[in-house]
Protein backbone atom coordinates (compact mmCIF):
# COMPACT_ATOMS: atom_id res chain seq x y z
CA UNK A 1 92.94 -60.44 3.99
CA UNK A 2 91.82 -61.99 0.71
CA UNK A 3 88.94 -64.34 1.46
CA UNK A 4 86.60 -66.71 -0.32
CA UNK A 5 83.05 -66.95 1.02
CA UNK A 6 80.58 -69.64 -0.04
CA UNK A 7 76.94 -69.48 1.06
CA UNK A 8 75.44 -65.99 1.15
CA UNK A 9 72.04 -66.80 2.63
CA UNK A 10 70.30 -65.39 5.71
CA UNK A 11 73.39 -65.76 7.90
CA UNK A 12 76.20 -65.83 5.35
CA UNK A 13 75.25 -62.61 3.59
CA UNK A 14 75.48 -60.28 6.61
CA UNK A 15 78.67 -61.99 7.77
CA UNK A 16 80.24 -61.51 4.36
CA UNK A 17 79.09 -57.88 4.32
CA UNK A 18 80.80 -57.25 7.66
CA UNK A 19 84.00 -58.78 6.35
CA UNK A 20 83.93 -56.36 3.42
CA UNK A 21 83.22 -53.42 5.75
CA UNK A 22 86.26 -54.46 7.82
CA UNK A 23 88.45 -54.05 4.74
CA UNK A 24 88.79 -57.67 3.61
CA UNK A 25 88.65 -58.54 -0.10
CA UNK A 26 86.01 -61.18 -0.85
CA UNK A 27 85.29 -63.63 -3.62
CA UNK A 28 81.78 -65.00 -3.12
CA UNK A 29 79.69 -67.90 -4.39
CA UNK A 30 76.15 -69.10 -3.78
CA UNK A 31 73.71 -71.34 -5.62
CA UNK A 32 71.79 -68.15 -6.43
CA UNK A 33 73.83 -65.22 -7.70
CA UNK A 34 71.06 -62.82 -6.63
CA UNK A 35 71.76 -63.80 -3.01
CA UNK A 36 75.08 -61.99 -3.34
CA UNK A 37 73.89 -58.89 -5.23
CA UNK A 38 74.54 -56.51 -2.35
CA UNK A 39 77.99 -58.00 -1.76
CA UNK A 40 78.96 -57.54 -5.41
CA UNK A 41 77.78 -53.93 -5.15
CA UNK A 42 80.07 -53.56 -2.13
CA UNK A 43 83.06 -54.69 -4.19
CA UNK A 44 83.10 -58.48 -3.83
CA UNK A 45 84.02 -60.60 -6.84
CA UNK A 46 81.80 -63.43 -8.06
CA UNK A 47 82.95 -67.06 -8.43
CA UNK A 48 80.98 -69.50 -10.58
CA UNK A 49 81.74 -72.46 -8.30
CA UNK A 50 83.19 -73.23 -4.86
CA UNK A 51 86.40 -74.25 -6.62
CA UNK A 52 86.65 -70.82 -8.25
CA UNK A 53 86.27 -69.07 -4.88
CA UNK A 54 89.57 -70.52 -3.68
CA UNK A 55 92.52 -69.40 -5.87
CA UNK A 56 94.40 -66.37 -4.58
CA UNK A 57 92.59 -66.32 -1.23
CA UNK A 58 94.24 -66.95 2.14
CA UNK A 59 91.09 -68.31 3.76
CA UNK A 60 87.87 -69.81 2.38
CA UNK A 61 84.68 -69.73 4.48
CA UNK A 62 81.46 -71.70 4.10
CA UNK A 63 78.11 -70.87 5.70
CA UNK A 64 75.69 -73.62 4.66
CA UNK A 65 72.45 -75.17 5.97
CA UNK A 66 73.28 -78.83 6.68
CA UNK A 67 76.32 -81.15 6.93
CA UNK A 68 75.56 -82.78 3.58
CA UNK A 69 75.78 -79.38 1.86
CA UNK A 70 79.19 -78.81 3.42
CA UNK A 71 80.45 -82.20 2.26
CA UNK A 72 79.30 -81.54 -1.31
CA UNK A 73 80.84 -78.05 -1.42
CA UNK A 74 84.16 -79.27 -0.01
CA UNK A 75 84.53 -82.72 -1.57
CA UNK A 76 82.26 -82.68 -4.61
CA UNK A 77 82.94 -81.92 -8.24
CA UNK A 78 83.97 -78.29 -8.57
CA UNK A 79 84.41 -78.20 -4.80
CA UNK A 80 86.82 -76.39 -2.52
CA UNK A 81 89.42 -79.16 -2.44
CA UNK A 82 89.71 -79.06 -6.23
CA UNK A 83 90.79 -75.44 -6.03
CA UNK A 84 92.79 -75.49 -2.81
CA UNK A 85 96.51 -75.99 -2.59
CA UNK A 86 98.90 -76.65 0.25
CA UNK A 87 98.79 -73.89 2.86
CA UNK A 88 95.18 -72.94 2.19
CA UNK A 89 92.90 -72.50 5.22
CA UNK A 90 89.27 -73.64 5.12
CA UNK A 91 86.83 -72.45 7.82
CA UNK A 92 83.31 -73.82 8.16
CA UNK A 93 80.92 -71.35 9.84
CA UNK A 94 77.99 -73.78 9.53
CA UNK A 95 76.46 -75.71 12.40
CA UNK A 96 77.93 -79.05 11.45
CA UNK A 97 78.34 -82.58 12.74
CA UNK A 98 81.63 -82.94 14.68
CA UNK A 99 82.09 -86.31 12.96
CA UNK A 100 81.77 -84.73 9.51
CA UNK A 101 84.08 -81.85 10.44
CA UNK A 102 86.76 -84.21 11.72
CA UNK A 103 86.54 -86.33 8.57
CA UNK A 104 86.93 -83.24 6.36
CA UNK A 105 89.88 -82.16 8.51
CA UNK A 106 91.57 -85.53 7.95
CA UNK A 107 90.99 -85.52 4.19
CA UNK A 108 92.07 -81.90 3.74
CA UNK A 109 95.03 -82.28 6.09
CA UNK A 110 96.44 -85.04 3.90
CA UNK A 111 96.70 -82.40 1.16
CA UNK A 112 98.31 -79.75 3.37
CA UNK A 113 95.07 -77.80 3.83
CA UNK A 114 94.15 -76.55 7.32
CA UNK A 115 90.55 -76.81 8.54
CA UNK A 116 88.78 -74.96 11.34
CA UNK A 117 85.18 -75.42 12.42
CA UNK A 118 83.77 -72.08 13.56
CA UNK A 119 79.97 -72.20 13.99
CA UNK A 120 78.27 -68.99 15.07
CA UNK A 121 75.41 -68.07 17.38
CA UNK A 122 73.32 -64.92 17.58
CA UNK A 123 70.91 -65.22 14.69
CA UNK A 124 70.37 -62.92 11.75
CA UNK A 125 70.31 -59.87 14.05
CA UNK A 126 73.72 -60.75 15.48
CA UNK A 127 75.09 -61.50 12.03
CA UNK A 128 74.01 -58.06 10.79
CA UNK A 129 75.37 -56.29 13.87
CA UNK A 130 78.67 -58.22 13.88
CA UNK A 131 78.01 -59.38 17.44
CA UNK A 132 77.91 -63.15 16.91
CA UNK A 133 79.49 -65.66 19.25
CA UNK A 134 82.02 -67.67 17.23
CA UNK A 135 83.14 -71.08 18.52
CA UNK A 136 86.34 -72.32 16.90
CA UNK A 137 87.94 -75.74 16.83
CA UNK A 138 91.22 -76.73 15.21
CA UNK A 139 94.91 -75.89 15.32
CA UNK A 140 95.45 -72.89 17.61
CA UNK A 141 98.12 -71.32 15.41
CA UNK A 142 95.78 -71.46 12.43
CA UNK A 143 93.04 -69.95 14.60
CA UNK A 144 95.37 -67.05 15.48
CA UNK A 145 95.94 -66.36 11.78
CA UNK A 146 92.22 -66.33 11.02
CA UNK A 147 91.03 -64.48 14.13
CA UNK A 148 91.28 -60.96 12.60
CA UNK A 149 88.66 -62.01 10.05
CA UNK A 150 86.50 -63.72 12.67
CA UNK A 151 86.58 -60.54 14.77
CA UNK A 152 84.75 -58.80 11.93
CA UNK A 153 81.74 -61.10 12.29
CA UNK A 154 81.65 -61.73 16.02
CA UNK A 155 82.17 -59.88 19.28
CA UNK A 156 82.88 -63.07 21.25
CA UNK A 157 85.34 -65.28 19.37
CA UNK A 158 86.36 -68.29 21.46
CA UNK A 159 89.01 -70.92 20.79
CA UNK A 160 87.40 -74.19 21.89
CA UNK A 161 90.24 -76.65 21.35
CA UNK A 162 90.73 -79.47 18.87
CA UNK A 163 88.95 -79.78 15.53
CA UNK A 164 85.23 -80.44 15.99
CA UNK A 165 85.08 -78.81 19.41
CA UNK A 166 83.53 -75.66 17.99
CA UNK A 167 80.71 -77.76 16.55
CA UNK A 168 80.26 -79.60 19.85
CA UNK A 169 79.92 -76.27 21.68
CA UNK A 170 77.40 -74.98 19.13
CA UNK A 171 75.31 -78.15 19.24
CA UNK A 172 75.18 -78.04 23.03
CA UNK A 173 74.20 -74.36 22.92
CA UNK A 174 71.43 -74.88 20.38
CA UNK A 175 70.07 -77.93 22.16
CA UNK A 176 69.67 -75.77 25.27
CA UNK A 177 68.14 -72.91 23.30
CA UNK A 178 65.56 -75.12 21.61
CA UNK A 179 64.84 -77.02 24.80
CA UNK A 180 64.35 -73.78 26.72
CA UNK A 181 61.99 -72.62 23.99
CA UNK A 182 59.82 -75.73 24.44
CA UNK A 183 59.82 -75.46 28.24
CA UNK A 184 59.13 -71.71 28.16
CA UNK A 185 56.09 -72.24 25.96
CA UNK A 186 54.75 -74.74 28.51
CA UNK A 187 55.42 -72.44 31.47
CA UNK A 188 53.92 -69.39 29.76
CA UNK A 189 50.77 -71.17 28.60
CA UNK A 190 50.38 -72.55 32.14
CA UNK A 191 50.61 -69.10 33.69
CA UNK A 192 48.27 -67.47 31.16
CA UNK A 193 45.76 -70.32 31.47
CA UNK A 194 45.84 -69.82 35.25
CA UNK A 195 44.87 -66.18 34.83
CA UNK A 196 48.12 -64.16 34.77
CA UNK A 197 48.56 -61.51 32.09
CA UNK A 198 51.30 -62.59 29.64
CA UNK A 199 53.15 -59.26 29.86
CA UNK A 200 53.25 -59.52 33.67
CA UNK A 201 54.30 -63.17 33.60
CA UNK A 202 57.05 -62.58 31.03
CA UNK A 203 58.35 -59.59 33.02
CA UNK A 204 58.45 -61.54 36.28
CA UNK A 205 60.30 -64.49 34.74
CA UNK A 206 62.68 -62.22 32.80
CA UNK A 207 63.76 -60.65 36.09
CA UNK A 208 63.86 -63.84 38.14
CA UNK A 209 65.82 -67.09 38.23
CA UNK A 210 63.90 -68.52 35.25
CA UNK A 211 65.14 -65.81 32.87
CA UNK A 212 66.59 -66.78 29.50
CA UNK A 213 67.60 -64.86 26.39
CA UNK A 214 65.01 -66.87 24.48
CA UNK A 215 62.37 -65.10 26.60
CA UNK A 216 63.91 -61.63 26.76
CA UNK A 217 65.27 -61.29 23.22
CA UNK A 218 63.80 -63.84 20.82
CA UNK A 219 60.19 -64.33 21.86
CA UNK A 220 59.51 -60.55 21.80
CA UNK A 221 60.70 -60.40 18.17
CA UNK A 222 58.90 -63.49 16.96
CA UNK A 223 56.43 -65.54 19.02
CA UNK A 224 54.92 -62.67 21.00
CA UNK A 225 54.29 -60.78 17.75
CA UNK A 226 52.99 -63.80 15.87
CA UNK A 227 55.90 -63.21 13.52
CA UNK A 228 57.27 -66.45 12.11
CA UNK A 229 59.41 -65.06 9.30
CA UNK A 230 62.91 -66.42 9.98
CA UNK A 231 64.95 -65.55 11.93
CA UNK A 232 66.27 -68.99 12.57
CA UNK A 233 64.21 -71.48 10.63
CA UNK A 234 62.48 -74.43 12.27
CA UNK A 235 64.17 -76.78 9.79
CA UNK A 236 67.60 -75.61 10.98
CA UNK A 237 66.54 -75.85 14.64
CA UNK A 238 65.31 -79.40 14.04
CA UNK A 239 68.59 -80.25 12.32
CA UNK A 240 70.64 -78.90 15.24
CA UNK A 241 68.63 -80.77 17.86
CA UNK A 242 69.02 -83.97 15.82
CA UNK A 243 72.78 -83.38 15.59
CA UNK A 244 72.81 -83.28 19.41
CA UNK A 245 70.79 -86.47 19.86
CA UNK A 246 72.85 -88.23 17.18
CA UNK A 247 76.06 -87.22 18.95
CA UNK A 248 74.61 -88.53 22.21
CA UNK A 249 73.94 -91.88 20.53
CA UNK A 250 77.47 -91.96 19.12
CA UNK A 251 78.87 -91.41 22.61
CA UNK A 252 76.40 -93.69 24.40
CA UNK A 253 74.96 -90.86 26.51
CA UNK A 254 71.31 -91.04 27.65
CA UNK A 255 69.47 -87.87 26.54
CA UNK A 256 65.82 -88.35 27.52
CA UNK A 257 64.87 -84.67 27.60
CA UNK A 258 66.76 -83.89 24.40
CA UNK A 259 64.82 -86.61 22.61
CA UNK A 260 61.53 -85.07 23.75
CA UNK A 261 62.68 -81.74 22.32
CA UNK A 262 63.71 -83.56 19.15
CA UNK A 263 60.23 -85.06 18.76
CA UNK A 264 58.55 -81.69 19.27
CA UNK A 265 60.62 -80.34 16.37
CA UNK A 266 59.80 -83.42 14.28
CA UNK A 267 56.10 -82.64 14.82
CA UNK A 268 56.65 -79.01 13.78
CA UNK A 269 58.35 -80.18 10.60
CA UNK A 270 55.50 -82.63 9.92
CA UNK A 271 53.10 -79.68 10.10
CA UNK A 272 55.04 -77.92 7.34
CA UNK A 273 56.62 -75.24 9.49
CA UNK A 274 60.21 -75.93 8.42
CA UNK A 275 60.60 -72.60 6.61
CA UNK A 276 59.10 -70.62 9.50
CA UNK A 277 61.03 -69.23 12.45
CA UNK A 278 61.87 -71.75 15.17
CA UNK A 279 59.49 -69.97 17.56
CA UNK A 280 56.73 -71.63 15.50
CA UNK A 281 57.40 -74.80 17.52
CA UNK A 282 55.68 -73.05 20.46
CA UNK A 283 52.42 -73.07 18.47
CA UNK A 284 52.11 -76.79 19.23
CA UNK A 285 51.95 -76.01 22.95
CA UNK A 286 49.59 -73.10 22.29
CA UNK A 287 47.20 -75.50 20.57
CA UNK A 288 47.44 -78.09 23.34
CA UNK A 289 46.78 -75.45 26.01
CA UNK A 290 44.24 -73.44 24.00
CA UNK A 291 46.29 -70.33 24.81
CA UNK A 292 47.88 -67.88 22.36
CA UNK A 293 51.06 -66.12 23.56
CA UNK A 294 50.82 -62.69 21.92
CA UNK A 295 51.65 -59.21 23.20
CA UNK A 296 50.69 -55.85 21.75
CA UNK A 297 53.39 -53.24 21.26
CA UNK A 298 56.47 -55.46 21.64
């Protein structure tokens, strides 16, 4: 397929690379051309604006940090809608607000442009390996047309229903992931403070009912090594948790625990850790408990 791809950062770049490896022809754009250097070397063409990434392509993807960025790239001057004609398909791979996604769907639909929201989960490692989970909302027939491209970036591509449902699924997933990260840091500092070796404690939990991928896959790569190079940045984690609590407010749902997780991420941002990996949030608990969760040789 001929594809446009806008946003070649930490997640977008490896996804775009996998699309090229799968035989798709890409036109790419980013705020920084150097962020797409490897893609251009692989045969992608460069577009000077989001608008220029659209003509001649069957599908246009975006992978961007926050909902406001998506709105600007789609609706702004030199944006996707300026270059898109009737029959074009636009797919947002970002973790976005369902409300924003549904509004973009309505605006684009009035011009004959189809929109899917297709946020991904699995981090930079999953993006590089092509093993992401992809959660897709929108028209099912449009999803079927785009799925061959999505299969190049993810090993678990799921149709979630109406437009915005992909974003709802992703927000719920990330709320759980960030909440588990906060609770795990409390449980681990408790156990270590009480005298259990961290390696033993982590092994026991990993093979018991308290196990979570955050403990078995993410902490060993980041927190346990004292490695806070993203990864998945704290600023993005904070944004995703806030999307969840905002959605809860929109729907009138009480979310007491989610709001505690939200505030922990607000504190991490206040400390200037936004550009660090989201495991940095656990450092707040480490400080409170006077325990450092580090393992040698992981």
